[in-house]
Amino acid sequence: MVHAEQWAEIIKLSNPMFDEVKAYMWVGMSRKRLEEKNMPLHEEVKEFAMEIAKHADYKLIDEHEPSRVVLLMKEDFEGRVMRFS
């Protein structure tokens, strides 16, 4: 979770409707390569997402702490199907 400004530039160039900032999860075969301590905390993911959002002119719209995922969008809209909570 480095170079938030550079990630923001990529997001601005591609102009997606939304962007999910997700953590590595210690599951499956990755458990043979990495350790559980390599999995960032939700608060760390959220802080990084907020830094990206600040530079990309997006907002934190939703988050799901157990999955360690944060949803960024320029604007939320009525009828959005994907909801974490």
PDB file of N, CA and C in Angstrom:
ATOM      1  N   MET A   1       0.846  -1.170   0.000  1.00  0.00           N
ATOM      2  CA  MET A   1       0.000   0.000   0.000  1.00  0.00           C
ATOM      3  C   MET A   1       0.892   1.234   0.000  1.00  0.00           C
ATOM      4  N   VAL A   2       1.398   1.482  -1.181  1.00  0.00           N
ATOM      5  CA  VAL A   2       2.280   2.634  -1.374  1.00  0.00           C
ATOM      6  C   VAL A   2       1.870   3.382  -2.633  1.00  0.00           C
ATOM      7  N   HIS A   3       2.352   4.605  -2.744  1.00  0.00           N
ATOM      8  CA  HIS A   3       2.168   5.433  -3.938  1.00  0.00           C
ATOM      9  C   HIS A   3       0.694   5.746  -4.216  1.00  0.00           C
ATOM     10  N   ALA A   4      -0.022   6.182  -3.212  1.00  0.00           N
ATOM     11  CA  ALA A   4      -1.444   6.496  -3.364  1.00  0.00           C
ATOM     12  C   ALA A   4      -1.676   7.522  -4.472  1.00  0.00           C
ATOM     13  N   GLU A   5      -0.802   8.518  -4.569  1.00  0.00           N
ATOM     14  CA  GLU A   5      -0.971   9.543  -5.604  1.00  0.00           C
ATOM     15  C   GLU A   5      -0.863   8.942  -7.002  1.00  0.00           C
ATOM     16  N   GLN A   6       0.041   7.991  -7.177  1.00  0.00           N
ATOM     17  CA  GLN A   6       0.190   7.359  -8.488  1.00  0.00           C
ATOM     18  C   GLN A   6      -1.017   6.484  -8.820  1.00  0.00           C
ATOM     19  N   TRP A   7      -1.547   5.775  -7.835  1.00  0.00           N
ATOM     20  CA  TRP A   7      -2.764   4.990  -8.058  1.00  0.00           C
ATOM     21  C   TRP A   7      -3.911   5.923  -8.416  1.00  0.00           C
ATOM     22  N   ALA A   8      -3.980   7.060  -7.755  1.00  0.00           N
ATOM     23  CA  ALA A   8      -5.031   8.042  -8.050  1.00  0.00           C
ATOM     24  C   ALA A   8      -4.927   8.529  -9.498  1.00  0.00           C
ATOM     25  N   GLU A   9      -3.718   8.729  -9.989  1.00  0.00           N
ATOM     26  CA  GLU A   9      -3.532   9.154 -11.377  1.00  0.00           C
ATOM     27  C   GLU A   9      -4.059   8.105 -12.350  1.00  0.00           C
ATOM     28  N   ILE A  10      -3.806   6.840 -12.059  1.00  0.00           N
ATOM     29  CA  ILE A  10      -4.318   5.758 -12.911  1.00  0.00           C
ATOM     30  C   ILE A  10      -5.850   5.763 -12.888  1.00  0.00           C
ATOM     31  N   ILE A  11      -6.411   5.946 -11.720  1.00  0.00           N
ATOM     32  CA  ILE A  11      -7.868   5.983 -11.597  1.00  0.00           C
ATOM     33  C   ILE A  11      -8.437   7.162 -12.381  1.00  0.00           C
ATOM     34  N   LYS A  12      -7.796   8.314 -12.278  1.00  0.00           N
ATOM     35  CA  LYS A  12      -8.280   9.485 -13.014  1.00  0.00           C
ATOM     36  C   LYS A  12      -8.192   9.266 -14.526  1.00  0.00           C
ATOM     37  N   LEU A  13      -7.143   8.610 -14.979  1.00  0.00           N
ATOM     38  CA  LEU A  13      -6.993   8.338 -16.412  1.00  0.00           C
ATOM     39  C   LEU A  13      -8.070   7.384 -16.926  1.00  0.00           C
ATOM     40  N   SER A  14      -8.358   6.350 -16.159  1.00  0.00           N
ATOM     41  CA  SER A  14      -9.319   5.344 -16.611  1.00  0.00           C
ATOM     42  C   SER A  14     -10.767   5.747 -16.317  1.00  0.00           C
ATOM     43  N   ASN A  15     -10.961   6.648 -15.361  1.00  0.00           N
ATOM     44  CA  ASN A  15     -12.274   7.187 -15.019  1.00  0.00           C
ATOM     45  C   ASN A  15     -13.339   6.102 -14.770  1.00  0.00           C
ATOM     46  N   PRO A  16     -13.058   5.149 -13.876  1.00  0.00           N
ATOM     47  CA  PRO A  16     -14.055   4.107 -13.601  1.00  0.00           C
ATOM     48  C   PRO A  16     -15.220   4.660 -12.786  1.00  0.00           C
ATOM     49  N   MET A  17     -16.347   3.977 -12.855  1.00  0.00           N
ATOM     50  CA  MET A  17     -17.506   4.368 -12.056  1.00  0.00           C
ATOM     51  C   MET A  17     -17.196   4.166 -10.570  1.00  0.00           C
ATOM     52  N   PHE A  18     -16.496   3.061 -10.259  1.00  0.00           N
ATOM     53  CA  PHE A  18     -16.116   2.799  -8.875  1.00  0.00           C
ATOM     54  C   PHE A  18     -14.766   2.114  -8.851  1.00  0.00           C
ATOM     55  N   ASP A  19     -14.163   2.124  -7.687  1.00  0.00           N
ATOM     56  CA  ASP A  19     -12.877   1.464  -7.483  1.00  0.00           C
ATOM     57  C   ASP A  19     -12.915   0.779  -6.120  1.00  0.00           C
ATOM     58  N   GLU A  20     -12.566  -0.491  -6.088  1.00  0.00           N
ATOM     59  CA  GLU A  20     -12.497  -1.217  -4.821  1.00  0.00           C
ATOM     60  C   GLU A  20     -11.041  -1.321  -4.380  1.00  0.00           C
ATOM     61  N   VAL A  21     -10.789  -0.894  -3.182  1.00  0.00           N
ATOM     62  CA  VAL A  21      -9.463  -1.054  -2.588  1.00  0.00           C
ATOM     63  C   VAL A  21      -9.587  -2.231  -1.635  1.00  0.00           C
ATOM     64  N   LYS A  22      -8.815  -3.276  -1.901  1.00  0.00           N
ATOM     65  CA  LYS A  22      -8.960  -4.529  -1.150  1.00  0.00           C
ATOM     66  C   LYS A  22      -7.639  -4.935  -0.514  1.00  0.00           C
ATOM     67  N   ALA A  23      -7.752  -5.682   0.569  1.00  0.00           N
ATOM     68  CA  ALA A  23      -6.583  -6.229   1.248  1.00  0.00           C
ATOM     69  C   ALA A  23      -6.257  -7.612   0.698  1.00  0.00           C
ATOM     70  N   TYR A  24      -5.010  -7.977   0.840  1.00  0.00           N
ATOM     71  CA  TYR A  24      -4.618  -9.377   0.644  1.00  0.00           C
ATOM     72  C   TYR A  24      -5.297 -10.182   1.745  1.00  0.00           C
ATOM     73  N   MET A  25      -5.843 -11.323   1.397  1.00  0.00           N
ATOM     74  CA  MET A  25      -6.457 -12.197   2.397  1.00  0.00           C
ATOM     75  C   MET A  25      -5.656 -13.498   2.475  1.00  0.00           C
ATOM     76  N   TRP A  26      -5.399 -13.923   3.664  1.00  0.00           N
ATOM     77  CA  TRP A  26      -4.577 -15.114   3.928  1.00  0.00           C
ATOM     78  C   TRP A  26      -5.440 -16.361   3.778  1.00  0.00           C
ATOM     79  N   VAL A  27      -5.676 -16.763   2.531  1.00  0.00           N
ATOM     80  CA  VAL A  27      -6.517 -17.923   2.238  1.00  0.00           C
ATOM     81  C   VAL A  27      -5.882 -18.747   1.113  1.00  0.00           C
ATOM     82  N   GLY A  28      -6.363 -19.956   0.970  1.00  0.00           N
ATOM     83  CA  GLY A  28      -5.939 -20.808  -0.138  1.00  0.00           C
ATOM     84  C   GLY A  28      -4.440 -21.070  -0.178  1.00  0.00           C
ATOM     85  N   MET A  29      -3.943 -21.190  -1.394  1.00  0.00           N
ATOM     86  CA  MET A  29      -2.526 -21.519  -1.598  1.00  0.00           C
ATOM     87  C   MET A  29      -1.581 -20.390  -1.163  1.00  0.00           C
ATOM     88  N   SER A  30      -2.111 -19.186  -1.018  1.00  0.00           N
ATOM     89  CA  SER A  30      -1.247 -18.082  -0.582  1.00  0.00           C
ATOM     90  C   SER A  30      -0.687 -18.348   0.814  1.00  0.00           C
ATOM     91  N   ARG A  31      -1.338 -19.215   1.561  1.00  0.00           N
ATOM     92  CA  ARG A  31      -0.872 -19.536   2.914  1.00  0.00           C
ATOM     93  C   ARG A  31       0.464 -20.274   2.887  1.00  0.00           C
ATOM     94  N   LYS A  32       0.821 -20.818   1.731  1.00  0.00           N
ATOM     95  CA  LYS A  32       2.108 -21.492   1.594  1.00  0.00           C
ATOM     96  C   LYS A  32       3.236 -20.505   1.283  1.00  0.00           C
ATOM     97  N   ARG A  33       2.855 -19.306   0.768  1.00  0.00           N
ATOM     98  CA  ARG A  33       3.861 -18.316   0.373  1.00  0.00           C
ATOM     99  C   ARG A  33       4.023 -17.184   1.378  1.00  0.00           C
ATOM    100  N   LEU A  34       2.933 -16.807   2.022  1.00  0.00           N
ATOM    101  CA  LEU A  34       2.943 -15.662   2.926  1.00  0.00           C
ATOM    102  C   LEU A  34       2.443 -16.070   4.300  1.00  0.00           C
ATOM    103  N   GLU A  35       2.558 -15.151   5.231  1.00  0.00           N
ATOM    104  CA  GLU A  35       2.094 -15.404   6.591  1.00  0.00           C
ATOM    105  C   GLU A  35       0.861 -14.556   6.875  1.00  0.00           C
ATOM    106  N   GLU A  36       0.127 -14.925   7.888  1.00  0.00           N
ATOM    107  CA  GLU A  36      -1.078 -14.177   8.241  1.00  0.00           C
ATOM    108  C   GLU A  36      -0.757 -12.707   8.539  1.00  0.00           C
ATOM    109  N   LYS A  37       0.413 -12.449   9.070  1.00  0.00           N
ATOM    110  CA  LYS A  37       0.794 -11.075   9.404  1.00  0.00           C
ATOM    111  C   LYS A  37       0.955 -10.202   8.156  1.00  0.00           C
ATOM    112  N   ASN A  38       1.021 -10.800   6.959  1.00  0.00           N
ATOM    113  CA  ASN A  38       1.105 -10.038   5.722  1.00  0.00           C
ATOM    114  C   ASN A  38      -0.239  -9.424   5.332  1.00  0.00           C
ATOM    115  N   MET A  39      -1.306  -9.859   5.976  1.00  0.00           N
ATOM    116  CA  MET A  39      -2.644  -9.377   5.674  1.00  0.00           C
ATOM    117  C   MET A  39      -2.873  -8.045   6.397  1.00  0.00           C
ATOM    118  N   PRO A  40      -3.068  -6.943   5.650  1.00  0.00           N
ATOM    119  CA  PRO A  40      -3.259  -5.655   6.322  1.00  0.00           C
ATOM    120  C   PRO A  40      -4.600  -5.598   7.050  1.00  0.00           C
ATOM    121  N   LEU A  41      -4.645  -4.789   8.075  1.00  0.00           N
ATOM    122  CA  LEU A  41      -5.872  -4.570   8.829  1.00  0.00           C
ATOM    123  C   LEU A  41      -6.832  -3.713   8.000  1.00  0.00           C
ATOM    124  N   HIS A  42      -8.114  -3.823   8.305  1.00  0.00           N
ATOM    125  CA  HIS A  42      -9.101  -3.023   7.578  1.00  0.00           C
ATOM    126  C   HIS A  42      -8.797  -1.532   7.706  1.00  0.00           C
ATOM    127  N   GLU A  43      -8.420  -1.096   8.869  1.00  0.00           N
ATOM    128  CA  GLU A  43      -8.124   0.335   9.066  1.00  0.00           C
ATOM    129  C   GLU A  43      -6.968   0.793   8.173  1.00  0.00           C
ATOM    130  N   GLU A  44      -5.989  -0.060   7.942  1.00  0.00           N
ATOM    131  CA  GLU A  44      -4.881   0.279   7.050  1.00  0.00           C
ATOM    132  C   GLU A  44      -5.372   0.399   5.601  1.00  0.00           C
ATOM    133  N   VAL A  45      -6.234  -0.519   5.193  1.00  0.00           N
ATOM    134  CA  VAL A  45      -6.813  -0.473   3.847  1.00  0.00           C
ATOM    135  C   VAL A  45      -7.644   0.797   3.688  1.00  0.00           C
ATOM    136  N   LYS A  46      -8.431   1.107   4.708  1.00  0.00           N
ATOM    137  CA  LYS A  46      -9.285   2.291   4.667  1.00  0.00           C
ATOM    138  C   LYS A  46      -8.451   3.569   4.592  1.00  0.00           C
ATOM    139  N   GLU A  47      -7.402   3.651   5.366  1.00  0.00           N
ATOM    140  CA  GLU A  47      -6.523   4.831   5.327  1.00  0.00           C
ATOM    141  C   GLU A  47      -5.910   5.006   3.935  1.00  0.00           C
ATOM    142  N   PHE A  48      -5.453   3.909   3.341  1.00  0.00           N
ATOM    143  CA  PHE A  48      -4.875   3.963   2.003  1.00  0.00           C
ATOM    144  C   PHE A  48      -5.938   4.367   0.981  1.00  0.00           C
ATOM    145  N   ALA A  49      -7.132   3.805   1.101  1.00  0.00           N
ATOM    146  CA  ALA A  49      -8.227   4.155   0.194  1.00  0.00           C
ATOM    147  C   ALA A  49      -8.570   5.639   0.301  1.00  0.00           C
ATOM    148  N   MET A  50      -8.578   6.167   1.512  1.00  0.00           N
ATOM    149  CA  MET A  50      -8.882   7.586   1.711  1.00  0.00           C
ATOM    150  C   MET A  50      -7.807   8.472   1.078  1.00  0.00           C
ATOM    151  N   GLU A  51      -6.579   8.026   1.133  1.00  0.00           N
ATOM    152  CA  GLU A  51      -5.488   8.780   0.510  1.00  0.00           C
ATOM    153  C   GLU A  51      -5.658   8.773  -1.014  1.00  0.00           C
ATOM    154  N   ILE A  52      -6.001   7.639  -1.580  1.00  0.00           N
ATOM    155  CA  ILE A  52      -6.268   7.562  -3.021  1.00  0.00           C
ATOM    156  C   ILE A  52      -7.451   8.466  -3.369  1.00  0.00           C
ATOM    157  N   ALA A  53      -8.522   8.356  -2.601  1.00  0.00           N
ATOM    158  CA  ALA A  53      -9.732   9.137  -2.858  1.00  0.00           C
ATOM    159  C   ALA A  53      -9.433  10.633  -2.865  1.00  0.00           C
ATOM    160  N   LYS A  54      -8.614  11.064  -1.945  1.00  0.00           N
ATOM    161  CA  LYS A  54      -8.265  12.481  -1.846  1.00  0.00           C
ATOM    162  C   LYS A  54      -7.604  12.975  -3.132  1.00  0.00           C
ATOM    163  N   HIS A  55      -6.732  12.179  -3.700  1.00  0.00           N
ATOM    164  CA  HIS A  55      -5.995  12.580  -4.891  1.00  0.00           C
ATOM    165  C   HIS A  55      -6.767  12.327  -6.190  1.00  0.00           C
ATOM    166  N   ALA A  56      -7.757  11.445  -6.141  1.00  0.00           N
ATOM    167  CA  ALA A  56      -8.505  11.089  -7.357  1.00  0.00           C
ATOM    168  C   ALA A  56      -9.872  11.768  -7.418  1.00  0.00           C
ATOM    169  N   ASP A  57     -10.218  12.528  -6.382  1.00  0.00           N
ATOM    170  CA  ASP A  57     -11.521  13.182  -6.301  1.00  0.00           C
ATOM    171  C   ASP A  57     -12.661  12.164  -6.261  1.00  0.00           C
ATOM    172  N   TYR A  58     -12.464  11.112  -5.474  1.00  0.00           N
ATOM    173  CA  TYR A  58     -13.488  10.101  -5.221  1.00  0.00           C
ATOM    174  C   TYR A  58     -13.864  10.187  -3.749  1.00  0.00           C
ATOM    175  N   LYS A  59     -14.922   9.483  -3.385  1.00  0.00           N
ATOM    176  CA  LYS A  59     -15.387   9.454  -1.997  1.00  0.00           C
ATOM    177  C   LYS A  59     -15.500   8.012  -1.534  1.00  0.00           C
ATOM    178  N   LEU A  60     -15.334   7.812  -0.237  1.00  0.00           N
ATOM    179  CA  LEU A  60     -15.608   6.502   0.338  1.00  0.00           C
ATOM    180  C   LEU A  60     -17.119   6.365   0.405  1.00  0.00           C
ATOM    181  N   ILE A  61     -17.637   5.352  -0.296  1.00  0.00           N
ATOM    182  CA  ILE A  61     -19.087   5.153  -0.387  1.00  0.00           C
ATOM    183  C   ILE A  61     -19.541   4.013   0.510  1.00  0.00           C
ATOM    184  N   ASP A  62     -18.715   2.972   0.595  1.00  0.00           N
ATOM    185  CA  ASP A  62     -19.105   1.788   1.357  1.00  0.00           C
ATOM    186  C   ASP A  62     -17.846   1.050   1.778  1.00  0.00           C
ATOM    187  N   GLU A  63     -17.981   0.189   2.755  1.00  0.00           N
ATOM    188  CA  GLU A  63     -16.856  -0.630   3.202  1.00  0.00           C
ATOM    189  C   GLU A  63     -17.399  -1.882   3.872  1.00  0.00           C
ATOM    190  N   HIS A  64     -16.576  -2.921   3.898  1.00  0.00           N
ATOM    191  CA  HIS A  64     -16.946  -4.162   4.573  1.00  0.00           C
ATOM    192  C   HIS A  64     -15.723  -4.625   5.342  1.00  0.00           C
ATOM    193  N   GLU A  65     -15.752  -4.389   6.634  1.00  0.00           N
ATOM    194  CA  GLU A  65     -14.591  -4.666   7.472  1.00  0.00           C
ATOM    195  C   GLU A  65     -14.157  -6.132   7.450  1.00  0.00           C
ATOM    196  N   PRO A  66     -15.066  -7.122   7.556  1.00  0.00           N
ATOM    197  CA  PRO A  66     -14.609  -8.520   7.540  1.00  0.00           C
ATOM    198  C   PRO A  66     -13.858  -8.897   6.261  1.00  0.00           C
ATOM    199  N   SER A  67     -14.233  -8.270   5.139  1.00  0.00           N
ATOM    200  CA  SER A  67     -13.571  -8.559   3.859  1.00  0.00           C
ATOM    201  C   SER A  67     -12.393  -7.633   3.596  1.00  0.00           C
ATOM    202  N   ARG A  68     -12.265  -6.617   4.423  1.00  0.00           N
ATOM    203  CA  ARG A  68     -11.190  -5.634   4.262  1.00  0.00           C
ATOM    204  C   ARG A  68     -11.212  -5.006   2.878  1.00  0.00           C
ATOM    205  N   VAL A  69     -12.383  -4.484   2.537  1.00  0.00           N
ATOM    206  CA  VAL A  69     -12.585  -3.850   1.240  1.00  0.00           C
ATOM    207  C   VAL A  69     -13.285  -2.505   1.437  1.00  0.00           C
ATOM    208  N   VAL A  70     -12.900  -1.537   0.598  1.00  0.00           N
ATOM    209  CA  VAL A  70     -13.464  -0.194   0.630  1.00  0.00           C
ATOM    210  C   VAL A  70     -13.891   0.164  -0.792  1.00  0.00           C
ATOM    211  N   LEU A  71     -15.089   0.717  -0.930  1.00  0.00           N
ATOM    212  CA  LEU A  71     -15.606   1.119  -2.233  1.00  0.00           C
ATOM    213  C   LEU A  71     -15.487   2.629  -2.380  1.00  0.00           C
ATOM    214  N   LEU A  72     -14.822   3.048  -3.451  1.00  0.00           N
ATOM    215  CA  LEU A  72     -14.693   4.464  -3.772  1.00  0.00           C
ATOM    216  C   LEU A  72     -15.501   4.764  -5.025  1.00  0.00           C
ATOM    217  N   MET A  73     -16.195   5.900  -5.016  1.00  0.00           N
ATOM    218  CA  MET A  73     -16.940   6.374  -6.184  1.00  0.00           C
ATOM    219  C   MET A  73     -16.894   7.891  -6.180  1.00  0.00           C
ATOM    220  N   LYS A  74     -17.136   8.476  -7.351  1.00  0.00           N
ATOM    221  CA  LYS A  74     -17.261   9.934  -7.397  1.00  0.00           C
ATOM    222  C   LYS A  74     -18.545  10.351  -6.699  1.00  0.00           C
ATOM    223  N   GLU A  75     -19.631   9.672  -7.046  1.00  0.00           N
ATOM    224  CA  GLU A  75     -20.936   9.933  -6.436  1.00  0.00           C
ATOM    225  C   GLU A  75     -21.691   8.617  -6.327  1.00  0.00           C
ATOM    226  N   ASP A  76     -22.352   8.409  -5.215  1.00  0.00           N
ATOM    227  CA  ASP A  76     -23.225   7.252  -5.071  1.00  0.00           C
ATOM    228  C   ASP A  76     -24.487   7.518  -5.883  1.00  0.00           C
ATOM    229  N   PHE A  77     -25.243   6.495  -6.191  1.00  0.00           N
ATOM    230  CA  PHE A  77     -26.472   6.693  -6.940  1.00  0.00           C
ATOM    231  C   PHE A  77     -27.542   5.732  -6.437  1.00  0.00           C
ATOM    232  N   GLU A  78     -28.770   6.173  -6.544  1.00  0.00           N
ATOM    233  CA  GLU A  78     -29.903   5.356  -6.138  1.00  0.00           C
ATOM    234  C   GLU A  78     -29.962   4.118  -7.034  1.00  0.00           C
ATOM    235  N   GLY A  79     -30.200   2.981  -6.450  1.00  0.00           N
ATOM    236  CA  GLY A  79     -30.278   1.753  -7.225  1.00  0.00           C
ATOM    237  C   GLY A  79     -28.961   1.018  -7.361  1.00  0.00           C
ATOM    238  N   ARG A  80     -27.920   1.521  -6.693  1.00  0.00           N
ATOM    239  CA  ARG A  80     -26.638   0.806  -6.729  1.00  0.00           C
ATOM    240  C   ARG A  80     -26.862  -0.592  -6.178  1.00  0.00           C
ATOM    241  N   VAL A  81     -26.513  -1.598  -6.933  1.00  0.00           N
ATOM    242  CA  VAL A  81     -26.772  -2.988  -6.543  1.00  0.00           C
ATOM    243  C   VAL A  81     -25.741  -3.488  -5.537  1.00  0.00           C
ATOM    244  N   MET A  82     -24.484  -3.225  -5.779  1.00  0.00           N
ATOM    245  CA  MET A  82     -23.436  -3.730  -4.903  1.00  0.00           C
ATOM    246  C   MET A  82     -23.418  -2.928  -3.598  1.00  0.00           C
ATOM    247  N   ARG A  83     -23.718  -3.591  -2.528  1.00  0.00           N
ATOM    248  CA  ARG A  83     -23.677  -2.982  -1.196  1.00  0.00           C
ATOM    249  C   ARG A  83     -22.978  -3.960  -0.258  1.00  0.00           C
ATOM    250  N   PHE A  84     -22.079  -3.431   0.531  1.00  0.00           N
ATOM    251  CA  PHE A  84     -21.316  -4.271   1.436  1.00  0.00           C
ATOM    252  C   PHE A  84     -22.046  -4.497   2.753  1.00  0.00           C
ATOM    253  N   SER A  85     -22.855  -3.538   3.163  1.00  0.00           N
ATOM    254  CA  SER A  85     -23.493  -3.660   4.472  1.00  0.00           C
ATOM    255  C   SER A  85     -24.964  -3.944   4.363  1.00  0.00           C
TER     256      SER A  85
END
